[in-house]
Amino acid sequence: MVPAGSEPKVAKNRWHFDLKVGRGHDVPLDVRAQGVKATVERLVKAGATVLRIKDEPDMGLYATAVQDPEGNEFDVV
């Protein structure tokens, strides 16, 4: 038997979600980014992998794309 999560990902996720931890656009970008970074750190300790960081201050955006141990991708914003 092959352990769950050990098969390579062969298709796109059926759905994509954003884990919203930044508390909204009324909060300063640097404060939102700190919340995202803290959450991503906890997720990585739990087995997630960081795929890419979206740092676009001109757009008011800081987010991190993450993959869980089973290959599901989501954004922490």
N, C-alpha and C. Protein backbone atom coordinates (compact mmCIF):
# COMPACT_ATOMS: atom_id res chain seq x y z
N MET A 1 0.85 -1.18 0.00
CA MET A 1 0.00 0.00 0.00
C MET A 1 0.89 1.24 0.00
N VAL A 2 0.55 2.20 -0.82
CA VAL A 2 1.31 3.45 -0.92
C VAL A 2 0.71 4.44 0.08
N PRO A 3 1.55 5.06 0.92
CA PRO A 3 1.03 6.04 1.89
C PRO A 3 0.37 7.23 1.20
N ALA A 4 -0.66 7.76 1.81
CA ALA A 4 -1.35 8.94 1.27
C ALA A 4 -0.37 10.08 1.10
N GLY A 5 -0.51 10.78 0.00
CA GLY A 5 0.33 11.95 -0.24
C GLY A 5 1.63 11.65 -0.95
N SER A 6 1.95 10.37 -1.17
CA SER A 6 3.23 10.05 -1.80
C SER A 6 3.13 10.00 -3.33
N GLU A 7 1.92 9.99 -3.87
CA GLU A 7 1.75 9.99 -5.31
C GLU A 7 1.97 11.40 -5.85
N PRO A 8 2.60 11.53 -7.02
CA PRO A 8 2.78 12.88 -7.58
C PRO A 8 1.44 13.46 -8.02
N LYS A 9 1.34 14.76 -7.96
CA LYS A 9 0.14 15.46 -8.39
C LYS A 9 0.04 15.36 -9.91
N VAL A 10 -1.12 14.93 -10.42
CA VAL A 10 -1.28 14.74 -11.85
C VAL A 10 -2.30 15.68 -12.48
N ALA A 11 -3.06 16.41 -11.66
CA ALA A 11 -4.08 17.31 -12.19
C ALA A 11 -4.20 18.53 -11.30
N LYS A 12 -4.81 19.58 -11.84
CA LYS A 12 -5.05 20.79 -11.04
C LYS A 12 -6.05 20.48 -9.94
N ASN A 13 -5.99 21.27 -8.88
CA ASN A 13 -6.99 21.15 -7.83
C ASN A 13 -8.37 21.41 -8.42
N ARG A 14 -9.37 20.73 -7.91
CA ARG A 14 -10.74 20.97 -8.37
C ARG A 14 -11.22 22.33 -7.88
N TRP A 15 -10.72 22.77 -6.76
CA TRP A 15 -11.07 24.08 -6.22
C TRP A 15 -9.85 24.67 -5.57
N HIS A 16 -9.86 25.95 -5.41
CA HIS A 16 -8.75 26.69 -4.82
C HIS A 16 -9.31 27.59 -3.74
N PHE A 17 -8.65 27.62 -2.61
CA PHE A 17 -9.16 28.51 -1.58
C PHE A 17 -8.06 29.41 -1.06
N ASP A 18 -8.49 30.52 -0.47
CA ASP A 18 -7.59 31.46 0.19
C ASP A 18 -7.85 31.40 1.68
N LEU A 19 -6.80 31.22 2.43
CA LEU A 19 -6.88 31.28 3.89
C LEU A 19 -6.61 32.73 4.27
N LYS A 20 -7.65 33.44 4.67
CA LYS A 20 -7.54 34.88 4.93
C LYS A 20 -7.19 35.12 6.40
N VAL A 21 -5.95 35.55 6.62
CA VAL A 21 -5.47 35.80 7.98
C VAL A 21 -5.04 37.25 8.17
N GLY A 22 -5.06 38.03 7.09
CA GLY A 22 -4.53 39.39 7.11
C GLY A 22 -5.44 40.45 7.70
N ARG A 23 -6.67 40.10 8.01
CA ARG A 23 -7.63 41.00 8.67
C ARG A 23 -8.13 42.13 7.79
N GLY A 24 -8.05 42.01 6.49
CA GLY A 24 -8.67 42.97 5.58
C GLY A 24 -7.79 44.13 5.18
N HIS A 25 -8.24 44.85 4.16
CA HIS A 25 -7.45 45.95 3.58
C HIS A 25 -7.43 47.21 4.45
N ASP A 26 -8.25 47.25 5.50
CA ASP A 26 -8.19 48.39 6.43
C ASP A 26 -6.96 48.32 7.33
N VAL A 27 -6.33 47.15 7.39
CA VAL A 27 -5.12 46.95 8.20
C VAL A 27 -3.91 47.26 7.32
N PRO A 28 -2.90 47.97 7.85
CA PRO A 28 -1.71 48.28 7.04
C PRO A 28 -1.06 47.02 6.47
N LEU A 29 -0.51 47.15 5.26
CA LEU A 29 0.08 46.02 4.55
C LEU A 29 1.16 45.32 5.37
N ASP A 30 2.01 46.07 6.06
CA ASP A 30 3.08 45.42 6.83
C ASP A 30 2.52 44.57 7.96
N VAL A 31 1.43 44.98 8.55
CA VAL A 31 0.79 44.20 9.62
C VAL A 31 0.15 42.94 9.04
N ARG A 32 -0.52 43.09 7.88
CA ARG A 32 -1.11 41.93 7.20
C ARG A 32 -0.02 40.93 6.81
N ALA A 33 1.10 41.43 6.30
CA ALA A 33 2.20 40.56 5.89
C ALA A 33 2.75 39.78 7.08
N GLN A 34 2.84 40.43 8.24
CA GLN A 34 3.30 39.73 9.45
C GLN A 34 2.37 38.58 9.80
N GLY A 35 1.07 38.79 9.68
CA GLY A 35 0.11 37.73 9.95
C GLY A 35 0.23 36.57 8.98
N VAL A 36 0.43 36.90 7.71
CA VAL A 36 0.61 35.86 6.69
C VAL A 36 1.88 35.07 6.99
N LYS A 37 2.97 35.76 7.27
CA LYS A 37 4.25 35.08 7.53
C LYS A 37 4.15 34.17 8.75
N ALA A 38 3.50 34.62 9.80
CA ALA A 38 3.35 33.80 11.02
C ALA A 38 2.53 32.55 10.74
N THR A 39 1.46 32.70 9.97
CA THR A 39 0.62 31.55 9.64
C THR A 39 1.37 30.56 8.75
N VAL A 40 2.09 31.08 7.76
CA VAL A 40 2.86 30.22 6.86
C VAL A 40 3.92 29.46 7.66
N GLU A 41 4.55 30.12 8.59
CA GLU A 41 5.55 29.45 9.43
C GLU A 41 4.93 28.25 10.17
N ARG A 42 3.74 28.44 10.73
CA ARG A 42 3.06 27.34 11.42
C ARG A 42 2.70 26.22 10.44
N LEU A 43 2.24 26.58 9.24
CA LEU A 43 1.89 25.57 8.25
C LEU A 43 3.10 24.77 7.79
N VAL A 44 4.23 25.44 7.62
CA VAL A 44 5.46 24.75 7.21
C VAL A 44 5.89 23.77 8.31
N LYS A 45 5.79 24.17 9.55
CA LYS A 45 6.12 23.26 10.66
C LYS A 45 5.21 22.04 10.67
N ALA A 46 3.98 22.20 10.14
CA ALA A 46 3.02 21.10 10.09
C ALA A 46 3.16 20.26 8.81
N GLY A 47 4.11 20.62 7.93
CA GLY A 47 4.38 19.81 6.75
C GLY A 47 4.09 20.46 5.41
N ALA A 48 3.62 21.69 5.40
CA ALA A 48 3.34 22.39 4.14
C ALA A 48 4.63 22.85 3.47
N THR A 49 4.53 23.15 2.19
CA THR A 49 5.65 23.65 1.40
C THR A 49 5.28 24.99 0.79
N VAL A 50 6.17 25.96 0.89
CA VAL A 50 5.95 27.26 0.26
C VAL A 50 6.26 27.12 -1.23
N LEU A 51 5.31 27.53 -2.06
CA LEU A 51 5.49 27.48 -3.51
C LEU A 51 5.98 28.80 -4.07
N ARG A 52 5.37 29.90 -3.61
CA ARG A 52 5.80 31.23 -4.08
C ARG A 52 5.23 32.30 -3.14
N ILE A 53 5.91 33.41 -3.11
CA ILE A 53 5.49 34.55 -2.30
C ILE A 53 5.08 35.65 -3.26
N LYS A 54 3.92 36.22 -3.02
CA LYS A 54 3.40 37.32 -3.85
C LYS A 54 3.52 38.59 -3.02
N ASP A 55 4.55 39.35 -3.29
CA ASP A 55 4.81 40.59 -2.55
C ASP A 55 4.67 41.74 -3.53
N GLU A 56 3.49 42.35 -3.55
CA GLU A 56 3.19 43.43 -4.50
C GLU A 56 2.65 44.63 -3.73
N PRO A 57 3.54 45.40 -3.10
CA PRO A 57 3.09 46.52 -2.28
C PRO A 57 2.31 47.58 -3.06
N ASP A 58 2.63 47.77 -4.35
CA ASP A 58 1.89 48.74 -5.17
C ASP A 58 0.43 48.34 -5.33
N MET A 59 0.16 47.04 -5.23
CA MET A 59 -1.21 46.53 -5.35
C MET A 59 -1.83 46.29 -3.97
N GLY A 60 -1.06 46.55 -2.91
CA GLY A 60 -1.56 46.29 -1.56
C GLY A 60 -1.68 44.81 -1.26
N LEU A 61 -0.80 44.00 -1.85
CA LEU A 61 -0.91 42.54 -1.72
C LEU A 61 0.34 41.92 -1.13
N TYR A 62 0.13 41.06 -0.15
CA TYR A 62 1.18 40.16 0.33
C TYR A 62 0.47 38.83 0.57
N ALA A 63 0.89 37.81 -0.13
CA ALA A 63 0.29 36.48 -0.01
C ALA A 63 1.34 35.43 -0.26
N THR A 64 1.08 34.24 0.20
CA THR A 64 1.99 33.12 -0.03
C THR A 64 1.20 31.93 -0.54
N ALA A 65 1.65 31.36 -1.64
CA ALA A 65 1.05 30.14 -2.16
C ALA A 65 1.73 28.97 -1.47
N VAL A 66 0.91 28.06 -0.96
CA VAL A 66 1.39 26.95 -0.14
C VAL A 66 0.81 25.65 -0.68
N GLN A 67 1.54 24.56 -0.45
CA GLN A 67 1.05 23.24 -0.83
C GLN A 67 1.06 22.35 0.41
N ASP A 68 -0.06 21.69 0.68
CA ASP A 68 -0.11 20.79 1.83
C ASP A 68 0.60 19.48 1.48
N PRO A 69 0.84 18.61 2.46
CA PRO A 69 1.56 17.37 2.19
C PRO A 69 0.90 16.46 1.14
N GLU A 70 -0.39 16.64 0.89
CA GLU A 70 -1.08 15.82 -0.11
C GLU A 70 -1.08 16.45 -1.49
N GLY A 71 -0.45 17.62 -1.64
CA GLY A 71 -0.34 18.28 -2.93
C GLY A 71 -1.39 19.33 -3.24
N ASN A 72 -2.29 19.59 -2.30
CA ASN A 72 -3.31 20.61 -2.50
C ASN A 72 -2.71 21.99 -2.30
N GLU A 73 -2.99 22.89 -3.23
CA GLU A 73 -2.44 24.24 -3.17
C GLU A 73 -3.49 25.23 -2.67
N PHE A 74 -3.02 26.22 -1.93
CA PHE A 74 -3.89 27.30 -1.47
C PHE A 74 -3.04 28.52 -1.16
N ASP A 75 -3.70 29.67 -1.06
CA ASP A 75 -3.01 30.92 -0.75
C ASP A 75 -3.33 31.34 0.67
N VAL A 76 -2.30 31.86 1.34
CA VAL A 76 -2.48 32.49 2.65
C VAL A 76 -2.39 33.99 2.39
N VAL A 77 -3.49 34.70 2.64
CA VAL A 77 -3.54 36.14 2.37
C VAL A 77 -3.95 36.91 3.61
